[in-house]
N, C-alpha and C. Protein backbone atom coordinates (compact mmCIF):
# COMPACT_ATOMS: atom_id res chain seq x y z
N UNK A 1 124.27 139.51 123.22
CA UNK A 1 123.44 138.62 122.41
C UNK A 1 121.98 138.83 122.77
N UNK A 2 121.12 138.74 121.78
CA UNK A 2 119.69 138.89 121.95
C UNK A 2 119.13 137.73 122.75
N UNK A 3 118.26 138.02 123.72
CA UNK A 3 117.58 136.95 124.44
C UNK A 3 116.08 137.20 124.39
N UNK A 4 115.33 136.11 124.38
CA UNK A 4 113.88 136.17 124.22
C UNK A 4 113.23 135.57 125.46
N UNK A 5 112.31 136.31 126.10
CA UNK A 5 111.58 135.75 127.25
C UNK A 5 110.64 134.63 126.79
N UNK A 6 110.63 133.52 127.52
CA UNK A 6 109.76 132.39 127.22
C UNK A 6 109.08 131.92 128.51
N UNK A 7 107.95 131.22 128.35
CA UNK A 7 107.26 130.58 129.47
C UNK A 7 107.10 129.11 129.13
N UNK A 8 107.62 128.25 130.01
CA UNK A 8 107.53 126.80 129.82
C UNK A 8 106.16 126.28 130.24
N UNK A 9 105.89 125.02 129.92
CA UNK A 9 104.63 124.36 130.25
C UNK A 9 104.28 124.47 131.74
N UNK A 10 105.29 124.41 132.61
CA UNK A 10 105.06 124.46 134.05
C UNK A 10 104.92 125.87 134.60
N UNK A 11 104.95 126.88 133.72
CA UNK A 11 104.81 128.27 134.12
C UNK A 11 106.12 128.97 134.43
N UNK A 12 107.21 128.24 134.43
CA UNK A 12 108.51 128.83 134.71
C UNK A 12 108.94 129.74 133.56
N UNK A 13 109.51 130.90 133.89
CA UNK A 13 109.97 131.85 132.88
C UNK A 13 111.47 131.74 132.72
N UNK A 14 111.94 132.08 131.52
CA UNK A 14 113.37 132.02 131.21
C UNK A 14 113.65 133.00 130.09
N UNK A 15 114.92 133.19 129.79
CA UNK A 15 115.35 133.98 128.63
C UNK A 15 116.29 133.10 127.83
N UNK A 16 116.02 132.97 126.53
CA UNK A 16 116.82 132.08 125.69
C UNK A 16 117.28 132.81 124.44
N UNK A 17 118.31 132.28 123.80
CA UNK A 17 118.78 132.84 122.53
C UNK A 17 117.86 132.37 121.40
N UNK A 18 117.88 133.04 120.26
CA UNK A 18 116.98 132.70 119.15
C UNK A 18 117.07 131.25 118.67
N UNK A 19 118.26 130.66 118.64
CA UNK A 19 118.39 129.27 118.20
C UNK A 19 117.70 128.33 119.19
N UNK A 20 117.89 128.59 120.48
CA UNK A 20 117.22 127.77 121.49
C UNK A 20 115.71 127.95 121.41
N UNK A 21 115.25 129.17 121.12
CA UNK A 21 113.82 129.41 120.97
C UNK A 21 113.24 128.55 119.86
N UNK A 22 113.92 128.49 118.73
CA UNK A 22 113.44 127.67 117.61
C UNK A 22 113.30 126.21 118.02
N UNK A 23 114.28 125.70 118.74
CA UNK A 23 114.25 124.31 119.19
C UNK A 23 113.10 124.09 120.17
N UNK A 24 112.92 125.01 121.11
CA UNK A 24 111.84 124.90 122.09
C UNK A 24 110.48 124.91 121.41
N UNK A 25 110.31 125.74 120.38
CA UNK A 25 109.05 125.79 119.64
C UNK A 25 108.82 124.46 118.91
N UNK A 26 109.83 123.98 118.21
CA UNK A 26 109.70 122.74 117.43
C UNK A 26 109.42 121.53 118.33
N UNK A 27 109.95 121.55 119.55
CA UNK A 27 109.76 120.43 120.48
C UNK A 27 108.55 120.64 121.40
N UNK A 28 107.78 121.71 121.16
CA UNK A 28 106.61 122.02 121.98
C UNK A 28 106.92 122.06 123.48
N UNK A 29 108.02 122.71 123.82
CA UNK A 29 108.46 122.76 125.21
C UNK A 29 108.06 124.07 125.90
N UNK A 30 107.55 125.04 125.13
CA UNK A 30 107.13 126.30 125.73
C UNK A 30 105.68 126.59 125.35
N UNK A 31 105.04 127.41 126.20
CA UNK A 31 103.66 127.82 125.96
C UNK A 31 103.62 129.10 125.14
N UNK A 32 104.54 130.02 125.49
CA UNK A 32 104.55 131.31 124.80
C UNK A 32 105.94 131.93 124.87
N UNK A 33 106.17 132.90 124.00
CA UNK A 33 107.40 133.68 124.02
C UNK A 33 107.05 135.11 123.66
N UNK A 34 107.90 136.03 124.09
CA UNK A 34 107.61 137.44 123.85
C UNK A 34 108.35 137.94 122.62
N UNK A 35 107.60 138.69 121.80
CA UNK A 35 108.20 139.35 120.64
C UNK A 35 107.76 140.80 120.67
N UNK A 36 108.20 141.57 119.71
CA UNK A 36 107.97 143.02 119.72
C UNK A 36 106.54 143.46 119.98
N UNK A 37 105.59 142.77 119.39
CA UNK A 37 104.18 143.18 119.54
C UNK A 37 103.47 142.51 120.69
N UNK A 38 104.18 141.75 121.51
CA UNK A 38 103.57 141.10 122.67
C UNK A 38 103.89 139.61 122.71
N UNK A 39 103.13 138.89 123.52
CA UNK A 39 103.36 137.45 123.68
C UNK A 39 102.78 136.67 122.51
N UNK A 40 103.53 135.71 122.01
CA UNK A 40 103.08 134.80 120.95
C UNK A 40 102.84 133.44 121.60
N UNK A 41 101.64 132.90 121.42
CA UNK A 41 101.27 131.61 121.99
C UNK A 41 101.51 130.51 120.97
N UNK A 42 102.34 129.55 121.34
CA UNK A 42 102.69 128.44 120.45
C UNK A 42 101.42 127.61 120.21
N UNK A 43 101.11 127.38 118.94
CA UNK A 43 99.92 126.62 118.58
C UNK A 43 98.71 127.49 118.32
N UNK A 44 98.76 128.75 118.71
CA UNK A 44 97.64 129.66 118.47
C UNK A 44 98.01 130.79 117.52
N UNK A 45 99.14 131.40 117.75
CA UNK A 45 99.58 132.52 116.92
C UNK A 45 100.45 132.05 115.77
N UNK A 46 100.44 132.78 114.65
CA UNK A 46 101.33 132.42 113.54
C UNK A 46 102.79 132.54 113.97
N UNK A 47 103.54 131.50 113.74
CA UNK A 47 104.95 131.47 114.12
C UNK A 47 105.77 130.99 112.94
N UNK A 48 106.84 131.70 112.66
CA UNK A 48 107.72 131.32 111.56
C UNK A 48 108.37 129.97 111.87
N UNK A 49 108.42 129.12 110.90
CA UNK A 49 109.03 127.80 111.06
C UNK A 49 110.45 127.81 110.53
N UNK A 50 111.19 126.75 110.81
CA UNK A 50 112.57 126.66 110.31
C UNK A 50 112.57 126.50 108.80
N UNK A 51 113.72 126.71 108.19
CA UNK A 51 113.84 126.64 106.73
C UNK A 51 113.53 125.26 106.17
N UNK A 52 113.56 124.22 106.99
CA UNK A 52 113.30 122.87 106.49
C UNK A 52 111.83 122.67 106.14
N UNK A 53 110.96 123.51 106.68
CA UNK A 53 109.53 123.42 106.38
C UNK A 53 109.23 124.34 105.20
N UNK A 54 109.37 123.86 103.99
CA UNK A 54 109.18 124.70 102.82
C UNK A 54 107.70 124.83 102.49
N UNK A 55 107.33 125.98 101.99
CA UNK A 55 105.96 126.24 101.57
C UNK A 55 105.67 125.41 100.32
N UNK A 56 104.55 124.67 100.35
CA UNK A 56 104.23 123.77 99.24
C UNK A 56 103.13 124.31 98.34
N UNK A 57 102.64 125.51 98.62
CA UNK A 57 101.55 126.08 97.84
C UNK A 57 102.04 126.82 96.61
N UNK A 58 101.10 127.44 95.90
CA UNK A 58 101.48 128.18 94.68
C UNK A 58 102.28 129.45 95.01
N UNK A 59 103.11 129.85 94.08
CA UNK A 59 103.89 131.09 94.23
C UNK A 59 102.93 132.27 94.07
N UNK A 60 102.88 133.17 95.07
CA UNK A 60 101.96 134.29 95.02
C UNK A 60 102.67 135.64 94.98
N UNK A 61 103.97 135.62 95.10
CA UNK A 61 104.71 136.89 95.04
C UNK A 61 104.76 137.39 93.61
N UNK A 62 104.65 138.70 93.46
CA UNK A 62 104.71 139.28 92.12
C UNK A 62 106.14 139.37 91.65
N UNK A 63 106.35 139.10 90.40
CA UNK A 63 107.67 139.23 89.80
C UNK A 63 107.79 140.62 89.20
N UNK A 64 108.97 141.21 89.32
CA UNK A 64 109.18 142.58 88.80
C UNK A 64 109.94 142.54 87.51
């Protein structure tokens, strides 16, 4: 199973599964997590949200 390195508020490091990562992000329990291009800082870097947070803006994708 895929695991993602994370750093908690107290500086402790851990490895979590993607579902746990989503929960930790939503609950603001981690400072950063590592992804392919480097560390992503919660609250600073763009982070994908869960499906319950739907985009409320205009549709910008082109239709074919």
